[in-house]
Protein backbone atom coordinates (compact mmCIF):
# COMPACT_ATOMS: atom_id res chain seq x y z
CA UNK A 1 53.37 -38.59 19.65
CA UNK A 2 52.56 -40.83 22.64
CA UNK A 3 50.12 -39.15 24.99
CA UNK A 4 47.86 -39.89 27.91
CA UNK A 5 44.47 -38.47 27.14
CA UNK A 6 42.28 -37.15 29.91
CA UNK A 7 39.26 -34.91 29.84
CA UNK A 8 38.68 -32.19 32.41
CA UNK A 9 34.96 -31.64 32.77
CA UNK A 10 33.63 -31.78 29.18
CA UNK A 11 36.66 -30.29 27.38
CA UNK A 12 40.26 -31.09 26.58
CA UNK A 13 42.97 -31.19 23.93
CA UNK A 14 44.27 -34.06 21.78
CA UNK A 15 47.41 -34.39 19.70
CA UNK A 16 46.11 -36.06 16.59
CA UNK A 17 48.83 -35.84 13.87
CA UNK A 18 52.31 -34.75 12.79
CA UNK A 19 54.18 -34.47 9.44
CA UNK A 20 55.62 -37.60 7.86
CA UNK A 21 55.07 -40.42 5.38
CA UNK A 22 52.87 -43.38 6.25
CA UNK A 23 51.86 -46.64 4.55
CA UNK A 24 48.20 -47.68 4.44
CA UNK A 25 46.99 -51.25 4.78
CA UNK A 26 46.75 -51.57 1.00
CA UNK A 27 50.39 -50.57 0.62
CA UNK A 28 49.91 -47.01 -0.63
CA UNK A 29 52.01 -44.20 0.83
CA UNK A 30 50.65 -40.90 2.17
CA UNK A 31 52.99 -38.02 2.86
CA UNK A 32 52.12 -34.92 4.93
CA UNK A 33 54.24 -31.84 5.19
CA UNK A 34 53.96 -29.23 7.90
CA UNK A 35 52.36 -26.92 5.30
CA UNK A 36 49.71 -29.58 4.69
CA UNK A 37 48.84 -29.53 8.37
CA UNK A 38 48.86 -25.71 8.44
CA UNK A 39 46.33 -25.70 5.55
CA UNK A 40 44.21 -28.38 7.29
CA UNK A 41 44.10 -26.31 10.49
CA UNK A 42 43.20 -23.14 8.57
CA UNK A 43 40.50 -24.89 6.48
CA UNK A 44 38.78 -26.47 9.46
CA UNK A 45 35.29 -25.01 10.03
CA UNK A 46 33.84 -26.10 13.37
CA UNK A 47 30.63 -24.18 12.74
CA UNK A 48 29.85 -25.49 9.27
CA UNK A 49 31.48 -28.95 9.22
CA UNK A 50 32.66 -30.00 12.68
CA UNK A 51 34.50 -33.26 13.31
CA UNK A 52 32.89 -35.50 16.00
CA UNK A 53 34.61 -37.67 18.56
CA UNK A 54 33.53 -41.27 17.85
CA UNK A 55 34.38 -44.79 18.82
CA UNK A 56 36.32 -46.53 16.02
CA UNK A 57 35.31 -45.59 12.48
CA UNK A 58 31.51 -45.90 12.63
CA UNK A 59 28.71 -45.34 10.10
CA UNK A 60 27.40 -41.81 9.70
CA UNK A 61 24.35 -42.38 11.94
CA UNK A 62 26.30 -43.36 15.10
CA UNK A 63 26.33 -40.91 17.99
CA UNK A 64 29.01 -38.30 18.61
CA UNK A 65 30.59 -38.24 22.07
CA UNK A 66 32.11 -34.74 21.66
CA UNK A 67 33.24 -32.28 19.01
CA UNK A 68 36.51 -30.77 17.79
CA UNK A 69 36.09 -27.02 18.23
CA UNK A 70 39.36 -26.05 16.52
CA UNK A 71 42.68 -27.23 15.07
CA UNK A 72 46.14 -25.66 15.63
CA UNK A 73 49.79 -26.46 15.32
CA UNK A 74 52.15 -26.60 18.28
CA UNK A 75 55.61 -27.13 16.81
CA UNK A 76 55.06 -29.95 14.30
CA UNK A 77 52.06 -31.43 16.09
CA UNK A 78 48.45 -30.96 15.01
CA UNK A 79 46.36 -30.30 18.12
CA UNK A 80 42.59 -30.61 18.37
CA UNK A 81 40.67 -28.64 20.99
CA UNK A 82 37.56 -30.63 21.94
CA UNK A 83 34.39 -29.74 23.87
CA UNK A 84 30.95 -31.07 24.77
CA UNK A 85 32.47 -34.44 25.72
CA UNK A 86 29.83 -36.88 27.02
CA UNK A 87 30.61 -37.41 30.74
CA UNK A 88 30.34 -41.21 30.66
CA UNK A 89 32.60 -41.36 27.62
CA UNK A 90 35.14 -39.07 29.36
CA UNK A 91 35.24 -41.43 32.36
CA UNK A 92 35.85 -44.40 30.06
CA UNK A 93 38.70 -42.64 28.24
CA UNK A 94 40.21 -41.42 31.50
CA UNK A 95 40.13 -45.02 32.78
CA UNK A 96 42.42 -46.04 29.90
CA UNK A 97 39.91 -48.11 27.92
CA UNK A 98 40.82 -46.30 24.67
CA UNK A 99 44.59 -46.05 24.26
CA UNK A 100 44.73 -44.85 20.62
CA UNK A 101 43.15 -42.06 18.65
CA UNK A 102 42.60 -42.18 14.91
CA UNK A 103 42.40 -38.95 12.90
CA UNK A 104 40.36 -39.56 9.75
CA UNK A 105 40.86 -37.05 6.89
CA UNK A 106 39.17 -36.20 3.61
CA UNK A 107 41.89 -36.07 0.92
CA UNK A 108 42.06 -32.73 -0.97
CA UNK A 109 40.26 -34.14 -4.02
CA UNK A 110 37.68 -36.34 -2.20
CA UNK A 111 34.08 -35.73 -3.39
CA UNK A 112 32.90 -35.29 0.20
CA UNK A 113 35.59 -32.75 1.23
CA UNK A 114 33.82 -29.53 2.31
CA UNK A 115 36.98 -27.55 1.64
CA UNK A 116 38.56 -29.01 -1.56
CA UNK A 117 42.22 -28.36 -2.02
CA UNK A 118 43.39 -29.22 1.47
CA UNK A 119 43.16 -32.17 3.83
CA UNK A 120 40.03 -31.87 6.03
CA UNK A 121 39.43 -33.57 9.39
CA UNK A 122 36.37 -35.87 9.21
CA UNK A 123 36.35 -37.35 12.70
CA UNK A 124 38.55 -38.37 15.63
CA UNK A 125 38.10 -42.03 16.44
CA UNK A 126 39.00 -43.62 19.78
CA UNK A 127 40.32 -47.18 19.43
CA UNK A 128 40.94 -50.07 21.79
CA UNK A 129 44.10 -52.17 21.94
CA UNK A 130 45.65 -52.69 18.50
CA UNK A 131 49.26 -52.76 17.34
CA UNK A 132 50.30 -49.62 15.46
CA UNK A 133 52.07 -49.91 12.11
CA UNK A 134 54.73 -47.40 13.22
CA UNK A 135 55.78 -46.74 16.81
CA UNK A 136 54.28 -43.47 17.97
CA UNK A 137 52.33 -43.03 14.69
CA UNK A 138 50.01 -46.02 14.46
CA UNK A 139 48.20 -47.80 11.66
CA UNK A 140 46.78 -46.43 8.44
CA UNK A 141 43.43 -47.74 7.19
CA UNK A 142 41.07 -46.82 4.40
CA UNK A 143 37.35 -46.67 5.16
CA UNK A 144 34.78 -48.39 2.97
CA UNK A 145 31.41 -47.54 1.51
CA UNK A 146 30.50 -43.84 1.31
CA UNK A 147 33.81 -43.05 3.02
CA UNK A 148 35.89 -44.69 0.30
CA UNK A 149 39.14 -42.81 -0.10
CA UNK A 150 39.28 -41.44 3.46
CA UNK A 151 42.61 -41.88 5.21
CA UNK A 152 42.73 -42.68 8.91
CA UNK A 153 45.86 -42.57 11.08
CA UNK A 154 45.75 -44.31 14.45
CA UNK A 155 47.94 -42.85 17.20
CA UNK A 156 48.63 -44.14 20.70
CA UNK A 157 46.57 -42.34 23.29
CA UNK A 158 49.06 -43.36 26.00
CA UNK A 159 52.76 -44.39 26.04
CA UNK A 160 53.52 -47.94 24.97
CA UNK A 161 56.08 -48.31 27.78
CA UNK A 162 54.94 -46.79 31.04
CA UNK A 163 56.80 -47.02 34.36
CA UNK A 164 55.22 -49.67 36.50
CA UNK A 165 54.57 -47.17 39.28
CA UNK A 166 52.52 -45.03 36.84
CA UNK A 167 50.26 -47.84 35.64
CA UNK A 168 46.69 -47.42 36.80
CA UNK A 169 44.61 -50.26 38.06
CA UNK A 170 40.95 -50.29 37.01
CA UNK A 171 38.97 -50.29 40.22
CA UNK A 172 35.59 -51.85 40.77
CA UNK A 173 34.10 -48.34 40.81
CA UNK A 174 35.56 -47.56 37.38
CA UNK A 175 34.29 -50.86 36.01
CA UNK A 176 30.86 -50.07 37.33
CA UNK A 177 30.91 -46.66 35.63
CA UNK A 178 32.04 -48.24 32.37
CA UNK A 179 29.27 -50.79 32.51
CA UNK A 180 26.76 -48.08 33.35
CA UNK A 181 27.94 -46.02 30.36
CA UNK A 182 27.57 -49.04 28.04
CA UNK A 183 24.08 -49.66 29.37
CA UNK A 184 23.16 -45.99 28.76
CA UNK A 185 24.41 -46.29 25.20
CA UNK A 186 22.24 -49.37 24.64
CA UNK A 187 19.21 -47.58 26.12
CA UNK A 188 19.95 -44.57 23.93
CA UNK A 189 20.07 -46.70 20.81
CA UNK A 190 16.83 -48.49 21.74
CA UNK A 191 15.07 -45.17 22.48
CA UNK A 192 16.28 -43.69 19.16
CA UNK A 193 15.04 -46.74 17.27
CA UNK A 194 11.68 -46.55 18.99
CA UNK A 195 11.32 -42.85 18.17
CA UNK A 196 12.18 -43.47 14.53
CA UNK A 197 9.64 -46.29 14.33
CA UNK A 198 6.89 -44.10 15.84
CA UNK A 199 7.77 -41.23 13.44
CA UNK A 200 7.66 -43.59 10.44
CA UNK A 201 4.29 -45.00 11.53
CA UNK A 202 2.88 -41.48 12.02
CA UNK A 203 4.10 -40.42 8.54
CA UNK A 204 2.53 -43.53 7.00
CA UNK A 205 -0.81 -42.85 8.72
CA UNK A 206 -0.77 -39.22 7.59
CA UNK A 207 0.05 -40.18 3.99
CA UNK A 208 -2.73 -42.77 3.97
CA UNK A 209 -5.26 -40.26 5.34
CA UNK A 210 -4.20 -37.71 2.71
CA UNK A 211 -4.55 -40.26 -0.11
CA UNK A 212 -8.00 -41.31 1.13
CA UNK A 213 -9.09 -37.69 1.19
CA UNK A 214 -7.74 -37.11 -2.34
CA UNK A 215 -9.51 -40.21 -3.64
CA UNK A 216 -12.77 -39.13 -2.06
CA UNK A 217 -12.52 -35.67 -3.59
CA UNK A 218 -11.70 -37.13 -7.00
CA UNK A 219 -14.74 -39.41 -6.88
CA UNK A 220 -16.93 -36.45 -5.96
CA UNK A 221 -15.49 -34.35 -8.78
CA UNK A 222 -16.03 -37.14 -11.36
CA UNK A 223 -19.65 -37.41 -10.23
CA UNK A 224 -20.14 -33.65 -10.49
CA UNK A 225 -18.67 -33.55 -14.03
CA UNK A 226 -20.79 -36.52 -15.19
CA UNK A 227 -23.92 -34.79 -13.82
CA UNK A 228 -23.08 -31.63 -15.82
CA UNK A 229 -22.59 -33.71 -18.97
CA UNK A 230 -25.91 -35.45 -18.46
CA UNK A 231 -27.65 -32.07 -18.08
CA UNK A 232 -26.06 -30.71 -21.19
CA UNK A 233 -24.22 -27.96 -19.37
CA UNK A 234 -20.79 -29.48 -20.10
CA UNK A 235 -19.50 -31.05 -23.31
CA UNK A 236 -18.38 -34.67 -22.77
CA UNK A 237 -14.91 -33.74 -24.02
CA UNK A 238 -14.56 -31.29 -21.13
CA UNK A 239 -15.20 -33.81 -18.40
CA UNK A 240 -11.58 -34.84 -17.90
CA UNK A 241 -10.38 -31.23 -17.89
CA UNK A 242 -12.96 -30.17 -15.33
CA UNK A 243 -12.14 -33.10 -13.05
CA UNK A 244 -8.43 -32.28 -13.27
CA UNK A 245 -9.01 -28.61 -12.42
CA UNK A 246 -11.25 -29.52 -9.47
CA UNK A 247 -8.69 -32.06 -8.21
CA UNK A 248 -5.94 -29.40 -8.35
CA UNK A 249 -8.10 -26.77 -6.65
CA UNK A 250 -8.96 -29.32 -3.99
CA UNK A 251 -5.30 -29.28 -2.83
CA UNK A 252 -5.63 -25.54 -2.11
CA UNK A 253 -6.70 -24.69 1.44
CA UNK A 254 -6.91 -20.89 1.09
CA UNK A 255 -10.62 -19.97 0.81
CA UNK A 256 -12.03 -17.80 -1.98
CA UNK A 257 -13.87 -14.66 -0.79
CA UNK A 258 -16.82 -13.46 -2.79
CA UNK A 259 -18.38 -11.24 -0.13
CA UNK A 260 -17.60 -9.45 3.09
CA UNK A 261 -19.32 -11.99 5.37
CA UNK A 262 -17.52 -15.01 6.73
CA UNK A 263 -20.18 -17.19 5.13
CA UNK A 264 -19.13 -15.79 1.73
CA UNK A 265 -15.81 -17.67 1.94
CA UNK A 266 -15.36 -21.20 0.61
CA UNK A 267 -12.59 -23.45 -0.78
CA UNK A 268 -11.69 -22.81 -4.43
CA UNK A 269 -13.06 -26.17 -5.69
CA UNK A 270 -16.36 -25.60 -3.90
CA UNK A 271 -16.61 -22.08 -5.34
CA UNK A 272 -16.09 -23.33 -8.89
CA UNK A 273 -18.64 -26.10 -8.43
CA UNK A 274 -21.14 -23.56 -7.12
CA UNK A 275 -20.56 -21.37 -10.15
CA UNK A 276 -20.89 -24.22 -12.64
CA UNK A 277 -23.81 -25.77 -10.78
CA UNK A 278 -26.11 -22.94 -11.91
CA UNK A 279 -25.24 -23.22 -15.60
CA UNK A 280 -27.90 -23.90 -18.19
CA UNK A 281 -27.48 -25.60 -21.61
CA UNK A 282 -25.97 -23.04 -23.94
CA UNK A 283 -26.79 -24.62 -27.32
CA UNK A 284 -28.80 -27.69 -28.39
CA UNK A 285 -29.43 -28.88 -31.92
CA UNK A 286 -32.83 -30.36 -32.80
CA UNK A 287 -33.49 -32.48 -35.86
CA UNK A 288 -36.08 -29.95 -37.15
CA UNK A 289 -36.07 -28.13 -40.43
CA UNK A 290 -37.11 -24.48 -40.60
CA UNK A 291 -40.42 -23.73 -42.27
CA UNK A 292 -39.86 -23.81 -46.02
CA UNK A 293 -36.18 -24.53 -45.49
CA UNK A 294 -33.78 -27.29 -46.16
CA UNK A 295 -34.76 -30.37 -44.14
CA UNK A 296 -31.04 -31.27 -43.90
CA UNK A 297 -30.31 -28.10 -41.92
CA UNK A 298 -30.56 -28.45 -38.15
CA UNK A 299 -32.16 -25.62 -36.23
CA UNK A 300 -30.17 -24.21 -33.36
CA UNK A 301 -32.34 -23.92 -30.27
CA UNK A 302 -30.78 -21.50 -27.80
CA UNK A 303 -31.80 -21.60 -24.15
CA UNK A 304 -31.65 -17.83 -23.48
CA UNK A 305 -31.35 -16.48 -19.95
CA UNK A 306 -34.58 -15.02 -18.39
CA UNK A 307 -35.49 -11.65 -19.98
CA UNK A 308 -33.62 -12.34 -23.24
CA UNK A 309 -34.69 -13.75 -26.60
CA UNK A 310 -32.93 -15.22 -29.61
CA UNK A 311 -33.34 -13.77 -33.12
CA UNK A 312 -34.74 -16.69 -35.20
CA UNK A 313 -32.99 -15.37 -38.28
CA UNK A 314 -29.64 -15.39 -36.58
CA UNK A 315 -30.27 -18.86 -35.27
CA UNK A 316 -31.12 -20.06 -38.76
CA UNK A 317 -27.96 -18.39 -40.12
CA UNK A 318 -25.93 -20.09 -37.43
CA UNK A 319 -27.42 -23.49 -38.28
CA UNK A 320 -26.76 -23.06 -42.01
CA UNK A 321 -23.16 -22.01 -41.38
CA UNK A 322 -22.67 -25.07 -39.16
CA UNK A 323 -24.10 -27.31 -41.88
CA UNK A 324 -21.75 -25.81 -44.52
CA UNK A 325 -18.76 -26.22 -42.23
CA UNK A 326 -19.79 -29.82 -41.51
CA UNK A 327 -19.58 -30.56 -45.27
CA UNK A 328 -16.31 -28.60 -45.57
CA UNK A 329 -14.33 -29.20 -42.35
CA UNK A 330 -11.37 -27.15 -43.57
CA UNK A 331 -13.54 -24.09 -44.27
CA UNK A 332 -12.98 -21.25 -41.74
CA UNK A 333 -16.00 -20.29 -39.71
CA UNK A 334 -16.37 -16.78 -41.10
CA UNK A 335 -16.22 -18.08 -44.65
CA UNK A 336 -19.00 -20.52 -43.79
CA UNK A 337 -21.09 -17.66 -42.39
CA UNK A 338 -20.56 -15.61 -45.54
CA UNK A 339 -21.64 -18.50 -47.71
CA UNK A 340 -24.72 -19.02 -45.52
CA UNK A 341 -25.63 -15.36 -45.92
CA UNK A 342 -25.24 -15.51 -49.71
């Protein structure tokens, strides 16, 4: 499967594999039939899980220099059609700097295989000078880390024995282009690192600002609840619940409308605080005994809204029922009322 790879414009074809049995560096054997390659070509999905052209077998965050747009069989050879090849990379390959290609596959049962049940092309790596394990087929290596279990087969990108008259000499112009390509790669890596650093700093600033705003709202809500408790419009036991509700409503940005005018719209937390801010004490108990009554019974003093009055008899009944229930905590409220009436 010796071949001389060259890219025309930004596209080309590469012979990447053929049937056979190969030995990996750890001594394990991997056999591929023609049917295996037929299945691999049929399973390949360039739209959903395309295989990139890479240098060597890099980490997942390294750049792609082109993409395999399809796989097909010509005779017994698996052919990859490639496109979107980076011009500088194409020049470097055409100059003979990368003389082997390495087709890396997900095995049929690999956890990362997007099409379980068949071999799936992960990437096509371009390698420098290295002796192949088998003439015309190349070395077999297993990737590490997250790619554990992947099988990579390195193939010569150009014949091992070329006629002397066909050997190309790298000119000064080609060397300059290669150096320029390497410099562009370094600049690209530096620019990408700078962008990531700026994005991380912006996210950190935004998160800090959001936390500061949440803390400020929480402090304001605690103060509001404590003020209600001190005025007797909120039971102390309800302070935590009210603060939690206000904190949750504070995360909501949609305003609450209570009128047709624009001024009648406000955030949910502000609307609830406005509603509760006008509350008056509902019930207070004074240590006063009713005239001619039991001095142990507390009189319920109700702060009635303007225009309303409280029936003293009902208030006295309420107080007596509360006293009975205080002595008998397990007694239901209506039973306490009935005993107070009797």
